[in-house]
């Protein structure tokens, strides 16, 4: 019974963070599907924050690598939230209540206007919406 509770709670967390990252990526003009790919979602999040995506691989090194990765993830997070117009102190919410931080960035009414340059390759950007056909003139 304990294993099923762990599996269910893990699935709920995965779904929540997947949908939250989808919202963040879409608001930033990126493709949403990377939100569902483990490691690649953090790679893309680092890139969105102006960091090199491959830094996520450093996090796989026990202890020191994990600490280095967390430093770069914090820097990226502060840049991402400032790109959505949130103040620096807002990052305390990321430290104390991470799901709330992701949810606010994903689903509030803020717009993406970064002061830094995201390092996302052009293939990572979502296709611009096609303009609607002009209306027929009234006769």
N, C-alpha and C. Protein backbone atom coordinates (compact mmCIF):
# COMPACT_ATOMS: atom_id res chain seq x y z
N UNK A 1 0.82 -1.20 0.00
CA UNK A 1 0.00 0.00 0.00
C UNK A 1 0.87 1.26 0.00
N UNK A 2 1.99 1.21 0.73
CA UNK A 2 2.87 2.37 0.80
C UNK A 2 3.48 2.69 -0.56
N UNK A 3 3.79 1.64 -1.34
CA UNK A 3 4.38 1.86 -2.65
C UNK A 3 3.38 2.52 -3.59
N UNK A 4 2.12 2.14 -3.50
CA UNK A 4 1.13 2.75 -4.38
C UNK A 4 0.93 4.22 -4.02
N UNK A 5 1.00 4.58 -2.73
CA UNK A 5 0.89 5.97 -2.32
C UNK A 5 2.07 6.77 -2.88
N UNK A 6 3.25 6.20 -2.85
CA UNK A 6 4.43 6.88 -3.39
C UNK A 6 4.30 7.07 -4.91
N UNK A 7 3.82 6.04 -5.58
CA UNK A 7 3.66 6.13 -7.03
C UNK A 7 2.62 7.18 -7.40
N UNK A 8 1.53 7.22 -6.68
CA UNK A 8 0.47 8.19 -6.97
C UNK A 8 0.96 9.62 -6.70
N UNK A 9 1.62 9.83 -5.56
CA UNK A 9 2.10 11.18 -5.25
C UNK A 9 3.20 11.61 -6.23
N UNK A 10 4.05 10.68 -6.67
CA UNK A 10 5.06 11.00 -7.67
C UNK A 10 4.44 11.37 -9.00
N UNK A 11 3.40 10.65 -9.39
CA UNK A 11 2.71 10.95 -10.64
C UNK A 11 2.02 12.31 -10.58
N UNK A 12 1.40 12.62 -9.45
CA UNK A 12 0.74 13.92 -9.28
C UNK A 12 1.77 15.05 -9.37
N UNK A 13 2.92 14.89 -8.71
CA UNK A 13 3.97 15.91 -8.77
C UNK A 13 4.49 16.08 -10.19
N UNK A 14 4.72 14.96 -10.89
CA UNK A 14 5.21 15.02 -12.27
C UNK A 14 4.21 15.75 -13.16
N UNK A 15 2.93 15.45 -13.01
CA UNK A 15 1.90 16.11 -13.82
C UNK A 15 1.82 17.60 -13.51
N UNK A 16 1.86 17.95 -12.22
CA UNK A 16 1.79 19.37 -11.85
C UNK A 16 2.96 20.14 -12.45
N UNK A 17 4.18 19.65 -12.24
CA UNK A 17 5.34 20.37 -12.75
C UNK A 17 5.38 20.37 -14.27
N UNK A 18 4.90 19.31 -14.90
CA UNK A 18 4.83 19.28 -16.37
C UNK A 18 3.90 20.36 -16.90
N UNK A 19 2.71 20.47 -16.32
CA UNK A 19 1.77 21.49 -16.76
C UNK A 19 2.27 22.90 -16.43
N UNK A 20 2.89 23.06 -15.27
CA UNK A 20 3.43 24.38 -14.90
C UNK A 20 4.55 24.80 -15.85
N UNK A 21 5.46 23.88 -16.15
CA UNK A 21 6.54 24.22 -17.09
C UNK A 21 5.99 24.49 -18.49
N UNK A 22 4.95 23.76 -18.88
CA UNK A 22 4.31 24.04 -20.17
C UNK A 22 3.81 25.48 -20.20
N UNK A 23 3.17 25.92 -19.12
CA UNK A 23 2.67 27.28 -19.06
C UNK A 23 3.79 28.30 -19.13
N UNK A 24 4.87 28.05 -18.41
CA UNK A 24 6.02 28.97 -18.43
C UNK A 24 6.64 29.02 -19.81
N UNK A 25 6.85 27.86 -20.42
CA UNK A 25 7.47 27.81 -21.75
C UNK A 25 6.59 28.51 -22.78
N UNK A 26 5.28 28.26 -22.73
CA UNK A 26 4.37 28.91 -23.70
C UNK A 26 4.37 30.42 -23.53
N UNK A 27 4.33 30.89 -22.28
CA UNK A 27 4.33 32.34 -22.05
C UNK A 27 5.62 32.97 -22.56
N UNK A 28 6.72 32.21 -22.53
CA UNK A 28 8.01 32.72 -23.00
C UNK A 28 8.19 32.53 -24.50
N UNK A 29 7.19 31.96 -25.18
CA UNK A 29 7.27 31.79 -26.63
C UNK A 29 8.04 30.56 -27.07
N UNK A 30 8.17 29.57 -26.18
CA UNK A 30 8.89 28.34 -26.52
C UNK A 30 7.92 27.21 -26.76
N UNK A 31 8.43 26.15 -27.38
CA UNK A 31 7.63 24.95 -27.54
C UNK A 31 7.37 24.36 -26.16
N UNK A 32 6.18 23.77 -26.00
CA UNK A 32 5.78 23.29 -24.68
C UNK A 32 6.19 21.85 -24.40
N UNK A 33 6.44 21.03 -25.42
CA UNK A 33 6.69 19.61 -25.19
C UNK A 33 7.91 19.31 -24.33
N UNK A 34 8.97 20.13 -24.31
CA UNK A 34 10.11 19.79 -23.44
C UNK A 34 9.75 19.74 -21.95
N UNK A 35 8.64 20.32 -21.56
CA UNK A 35 8.23 20.30 -20.16
C UNK A 35 8.02 18.88 -19.65
N UNK A 36 7.77 17.94 -20.54
CA UNK A 36 7.45 16.56 -20.16
C UNK A 36 8.64 15.63 -20.22
N UNK A 37 9.81 16.12 -20.65
CA UNK A 37 10.98 15.26 -20.80
C UNK A 37 11.95 15.50 -19.63
N UNK A 38 12.12 14.50 -18.76
CA UNK A 38 13.03 14.69 -17.62
C UNK A 38 14.44 15.08 -18.09
N UNK A 39 15.09 15.88 -17.33
CA UNK A 39 16.40 16.49 -17.59
C UNK A 39 16.33 17.55 -18.69
N UNK A 40 15.68 17.24 -19.81
CA UNK A 40 15.59 18.24 -20.87
C UNK A 40 14.73 19.42 -20.45
N UNK A 41 13.74 19.20 -19.58
CA UNK A 41 12.93 20.32 -19.11
C UNK A 41 13.78 21.28 -18.27
N UNK A 42 14.68 20.76 -17.46
CA UNK A 42 15.57 21.62 -16.69
C UNK A 42 16.63 22.26 -17.59
N UNK A 43 17.05 21.52 -18.62
CA UNK A 43 17.99 22.06 -19.63
C UNK A 43 17.36 23.31 -20.24
N UNK A 44 16.09 23.19 -20.67
CA UNK A 44 15.41 24.30 -21.30
C UNK A 44 15.15 25.44 -20.30
N UNK A 45 14.86 25.10 -19.05
CA UNK A 45 14.64 26.12 -18.02
C UNK A 45 15.93 26.91 -17.77
N UNK A 46 17.06 26.22 -17.73
CA UNK A 46 18.35 26.92 -17.59
C UNK A 46 18.58 27.85 -18.78
N UNK A 47 18.29 27.37 -20.00
CA UNK A 47 18.47 28.20 -21.18
C UNK A 47 17.57 29.42 -21.14
N UNK A 48 16.35 29.24 -20.68
CA UNK A 48 15.40 30.35 -20.57
C UNK A 48 15.93 31.40 -19.60
N UNK A 49 16.65 30.97 -18.58
CA UNK A 49 17.25 31.88 -17.61
C UNK A 49 18.61 32.41 -18.02
N UNK A 50 19.02 32.18 -19.26
CA UNK A 50 20.28 32.72 -19.76
C UNK A 50 21.51 31.91 -19.40
N UNK A 51 21.32 30.68 -18.93
CA UNK A 51 22.43 29.79 -18.58
C UNK A 51 22.60 28.73 -19.65
N UNK A 52 23.73 28.09 -19.67
CA UNK A 52 23.97 26.99 -20.60
C UNK A 52 23.18 25.76 -20.15
N UNK A 53 22.46 25.15 -21.05
CA UNK A 53 21.63 24.01 -20.71
C UNK A 53 22.40 22.80 -20.22
N UNK A 54 23.61 22.61 -20.74
CA UNK A 54 24.39 21.43 -20.37
C UNK A 54 24.77 21.44 -18.90
N UNK A 55 24.57 22.56 -18.20
CA UNK A 55 24.87 22.60 -16.77
C UNK A 55 24.02 21.62 -15.98
N UNK A 56 22.90 21.21 -16.56
CA UNK A 56 22.06 20.21 -15.87
C UNK A 56 22.83 18.89 -15.72
N UNK A 57 23.74 18.62 -16.62
CA UNK A 57 24.53 17.38 -16.55
C UNK A 57 25.50 17.42 -15.37
N UNK A 58 25.94 18.62 -14.99
CA UNK A 58 26.82 18.74 -13.82
C UNK A 58 26.08 18.29 -12.57
N UNK A 59 24.77 18.50 -12.55
CA UNK A 59 23.96 18.09 -11.41
C UNK A 59 23.93 16.60 -11.18
N UNK A 60 24.35 15.82 -12.16
CA UNK A 60 24.41 14.37 -12.01
C UNK A 60 25.62 13.91 -11.22
N UNK A 61 26.58 14.80 -11.03
CA UNK A 61 27.78 14.48 -10.23
C UNK A 61 27.40 14.63 -8.76
N UNK A 62 27.61 13.62 -7.96
CA UNK A 62 27.21 13.70 -6.55
C UNK A 62 27.87 14.87 -5.81
N UNK A 63 27.14 15.43 -4.88
CA UNK A 63 27.56 16.46 -3.94
C UNK A 63 27.97 17.76 -4.63
N UNK A 64 29.23 17.90 -5.02
CA UNK A 64 29.74 19.17 -5.55
C UNK A 64 29.01 19.55 -6.84
N UNK A 65 28.80 18.60 -7.73
CA UNK A 65 28.09 18.89 -8.97
C UNK A 65 26.67 19.34 -8.72
N UNK A 66 26.02 18.73 -7.77
CA UNK A 66 24.65 19.10 -7.43
C UNK A 66 24.60 20.53 -6.89
N UNK A 67 25.55 20.90 -6.04
CA UNK A 67 25.59 22.26 -5.50
C UNK A 67 25.85 23.28 -6.60
N UNK A 68 26.77 22.97 -7.50
CA UNK A 68 27.06 23.89 -8.61
C UNK A 68 25.82 24.06 -9.48
N UNK A 69 25.14 22.95 -9.78
CA UNK A 69 23.91 22.99 -10.59
C UNK A 69 22.85 23.86 -9.90
N UNK A 70 22.69 23.69 -8.59
CA UNK A 70 21.68 24.47 -7.87
C UNK A 70 21.98 25.97 -7.92
N UNK A 71 23.25 26.35 -7.87
CA UNK A 71 23.61 27.77 -7.96
C UNK A 71 23.16 28.32 -9.32
N UNK A 72 23.45 27.60 -10.39
CA UNK A 72 23.06 28.07 -11.72
C UNK A 72 21.54 28.04 -11.90
N UNK A 73 20.87 27.08 -11.28
CA UNK A 73 19.41 27.01 -11.35
C UNK A 73 18.78 28.19 -10.61
N UNK A 74 19.36 28.59 -9.49
CA UNK A 74 18.86 29.76 -8.76
C UNK A 74 19.05 31.03 -9.59
N UNK A 75 20.21 31.18 -10.21
CA UNK A 75 20.46 32.34 -11.06
C UNK A 75 19.45 32.36 -12.20
N UNK A 76 19.23 31.23 -12.84
CA UNK A 76 18.26 31.15 -13.93
C UNK A 76 16.85 31.47 -13.43
N UNK A 77 16.49 30.96 -12.27
CA UNK A 77 15.16 31.22 -11.72
C UNK A 77 14.92 32.69 -11.44
N UNK A 78 15.92 33.37 -10.89
CA UNK A 78 15.79 34.80 -10.62
C UNK A 78 15.63 35.56 -11.93
N UNK A 79 16.38 35.19 -12.95
CA UNK A 79 16.26 35.86 -14.25
C UNK A 79 14.90 35.58 -14.90
N UNK A 80 14.42 34.35 -14.76
CA UNK A 80 13.12 34.01 -15.35
C UNK A 80 12.02 34.81 -14.68
N UNK A 81 12.03 34.85 -13.36
CA UNK A 81 10.97 35.59 -12.67
C UNK A 81 11.05 37.08 -12.96
N UNK A 82 12.25 37.63 -13.12
CA UNK A 82 12.35 39.05 -13.48
C UNK A 82 11.87 39.26 -14.91
N UNK A 83 12.03 38.25 -15.77
CA UNK A 83 11.49 38.33 -17.13
C UNK A 83 9.98 38.37 -17.15
N UNK A 84 9.36 37.83 -16.10
CA UNK A 84 7.91 37.89 -15.96
C UNK A 84 7.48 39.08 -15.09
N UNK A 85 8.41 39.95 -14.73
CA UNK A 85 8.10 41.15 -13.98
C UNK A 85 7.98 40.97 -12.48
N UNK A 86 8.52 39.89 -11.96
CA UNK A 86 8.46 39.64 -10.52
C UNK A 86 9.72 40.19 -9.85
N UNK A 87 9.60 40.72 -8.63
CA UNK A 87 10.78 41.26 -7.93
C UNK A 87 11.70 40.14 -7.44
N UNK A 88 12.92 40.49 -7.10
CA UNK A 88 13.90 39.51 -6.65
C UNK A 88 13.50 38.75 -5.40
N UNK A 89 12.80 39.43 -4.49
CA UNK A 89 12.40 38.79 -3.24
C UNK A 89 11.35 37.69 -3.49
N UNK A 90 10.72 37.72 -4.65
CA UNK A 90 9.74 36.70 -5.02
C UNK A 90 10.38 35.31 -5.06
N UNK A 91 11.71 35.26 -5.22
CA UNK A 91 12.38 33.97 -5.29
C UNK A 91 12.36 33.24 -3.95
N UNK A 92 12.11 33.95 -2.86
CA UNK A 92 11.93 33.27 -1.58
C UNK A 92 10.78 32.27 -1.66
N UNK A 93 9.78 32.60 -2.45
CA UNK A 93 8.66 31.69 -2.65
C UNK A 93 9.14 30.41 -3.35
N UNK A 94 10.09 30.54 -4.26
CA UNK A 94 10.64 29.37 -4.94
C UNK A 94 11.37 28.47 -3.96
N UNK A 95 12.02 29.06 -2.98
CA UNK A 95 12.76 28.27 -2.00
C UNK A 95 11.82 27.62 -1.00
N UNK A 96 10.82 28.36 -0.54
CA UNK A 96 9.94 27.87 0.52
C UNK A 96 8.75 27.06 -0.01
N UNK A 97 8.15 27.50 -1.10
CA UNK A 97 6.97 26.85 -1.66
C UNK A 97 7.13 26.74 -3.18
N UNK A 98 8.00 25.86 -3.61
CA UNK A 98 8.34 25.73 -5.02
C UNK A 98 7.13 25.52 -5.92
N UNK A 99 6.18 24.65 -5.58
CA UNK A 99 5.02 24.48 -6.48
C UNK A 99 4.21 25.76 -6.67
N UNK A 100 4.11 26.56 -5.63
CA UNK A 100 3.37 27.82 -5.74
C UNK A 100 4.11 28.77 -6.69
N UNK A 101 5.42 28.82 -6.57
CA UNK A 101 6.24 29.67 -7.44
C UNK A 101 6.04 29.29 -8.90
N UNK A 102 6.15 27.99 -9.20
CA UNK A 102 5.94 27.53 -10.58
C UNK A 102 4.53 27.86 -11.05
N UNK A 103 3.53 27.65 -10.19
CA UNK A 103 2.15 27.90 -10.56
C UNK A 103 1.88 29.36 -10.86
N UNK A 104 2.42 30.26 -10.04
CA UNK A 104 2.22 31.69 -10.27
C UNK A 104 2.86 32.10 -11.58
N UNK A 105 4.10 31.67 -11.82
CA UNK A 105 4.76 32.03 -13.08
C UNK A 105 4.00 31.48 -14.29
N UNK A 106 3.44 30.29 -14.15
CA UNK A 106 2.78 29.66 -15.28
C UNK A 106 1.40 30.23 -15.57
N UNK A 107 0.63 30.53 -14.51
CA UNK A 107 -0.79 30.79 -14.73
C UNK A 107 -1.27 32.17 -14.31
N UNK A 108 -0.37 33.07 -13.90
CA UNK A 108 -0.86 34.42 -13.62
C UNK A 108 -0.89 35.22 -14.93
N UNK A 109 -1.24 36.46 -14.86
CA UNK A 109 -1.40 37.26 -16.08
C UNK A 109 -0.14 37.96 -16.55
N UNK A 110 1.02 37.62 -16.00
CA UNK A 110 2.25 38.31 -16.38
C UNK A 110 2.67 37.96 -17.80
N UNK A 111 3.44 38.86 -18.38
CA UNK A 111 3.93 38.67 -19.75
C UNK A 111 5.45 38.53 -19.72
N UNK A 112 5.98 37.81 -20.70
CA UNK A 112 7.42 37.57 -20.80
C UNK A 112 8.08 38.77 -21.46
N UNK A 113 8.93 39.46 -20.71
CA UNK A 113 9.67 40.59 -21.21
C UNK A 113 11.05 40.58 -20.53
N UNK A 114 11.94 39.68 -20.97
CA UNK A 114 13.21 39.50 -20.26
C UNK A 114 14.17 40.66 -20.45
N UNK A 115 14.96 40.90 -19.41
CA UNK A 115 16.03 41.89 -19.47
C UNK A 115 17.35 41.21 -19.84
N UNK A 116 17.35 39.88 -19.85
CA UNK A 116 18.53 39.10 -20.23
C UNK A 116 18.25 38.43 -21.58
N UNK A 117 19.27 37.79 -22.12
CA UNK A 117 19.10 37.09 -23.39
C UNK A 117 19.00 35.59 -23.12
N UNK A 118 17.81 35.01 -23.33
CA UNK A 118 17.70 33.55 -23.18
C UNK A 118 18.57 32.84 -24.22
N UNK A 119 19.12 31.70 -23.85
CA UNK A 119 20.00 30.95 -24.76
C UNK A 119 19.24 29.75 -25.29
N UNK A 120 18.14 30.00 -25.96
CA UNK A 120 17.33 28.92 -26.52
C UNK A 120 17.55 28.93 -28.02
N UNK A 121 17.90 27.79 -28.61
CA UNK A 121 18.09 27.75 -30.05
C UNK A 121 16.78 28.04 -30.77
N UNK A 122 16.85 28.55 -32.00
CA UNK A 122 15.63 28.86 -32.74
C UNK A 122 14.68 27.67 -32.87
N UNK A 123 15.22 26.46 -32.89
CA UNK A 123 14.34 25.30 -32.99
C UNK A 123 13.50 25.11 -31.74
N UNK A 124 13.87 25.75 -30.63
CA UNK A 124 13.11 25.64 -29.40
C UNK A 124 11.95 26.61 -29.31
N UNK A 125 11.92 27.59 -30.22
CA UNK A 125 10.85 28.58 -30.19
C UNK A 125 9.59 28.02 -30.83
N UNK A 126 8.47 28.41 -30.28
CA UNK A 126 7.19 28.00 -30.85
C UNK A 126 6.98 28.76 -32.15
N UNK A 127 6.26 28.15 -33.06
CA UNK A 127 5.95 28.82 -34.32
C UNK A 127 5.01 29.98 -34.03
N UNK A 128 5.25 31.12 -34.66
CA UNK A 128 4.35 32.24 -34.42
C UNK A 128 2.96 31.91 -34.94
N UNK A 129 1.98 32.46 -34.27
CA UNK A 129 0.60 32.22 -34.70
C UNK A 129 0.40 32.79 -36.09
N UNK A 130 -0.26 32.03 -36.93
CA UNK A 130 -0.49 32.49 -38.28
C UNK A 130 -1.56 33.58 -38.25
N UNK A 131 -1.34 34.61 -39.04
CA UNK A 131 -2.32 35.69 -39.04
C UNK A 131 -3.63 35.20 -39.63
N UNK A 132 -4.70 35.72 -39.08
CA UNK A 132 -6.00 35.30 -39.60
C UNK A 132 -6.24 35.92 -40.96
N UNK A 133 -7.04 35.26 -41.74
CA UNK A 133 -7.35 35.75 -43.08
C UNK A 133 -8.13 37.05 -42.96
N UNK A 134 -7.86 37.98 -43.86
CA UNK A 134 -8.59 39.24 -43.79
C UNK A 134 -10.08 39.02 -44.05
N UNK A 135 -10.86 39.84 -43.39
CA UNK A 135 -12.31 39.70 -43.56
C UNK A 135 -12.71 40.20 -44.94
N UNK A 136 -13.73 39.57 -45.47
CA UNK A 136 -14.25 39.99 -46.78
C UNK A 136 -14.92 41.35 -46.64
N UNK A 137 -14.72 42.21 -47.62
CA UNK A 137 -15.32 43.53 -47.53
C UNK A 137 -16.85 43.43 -47.56
N UNK A 138 -17.45 44.30 -46.76
CA UNK A 138 -18.91 44.31 -46.73
C UNK A 138 -19.44 44.95 -48.01
N UNK A 139 -20.47 44.40 -48.56
CA UNK A 139 -21.03 44.92 -49.82
C UNK A 139 -22.31 45.66 -49.55
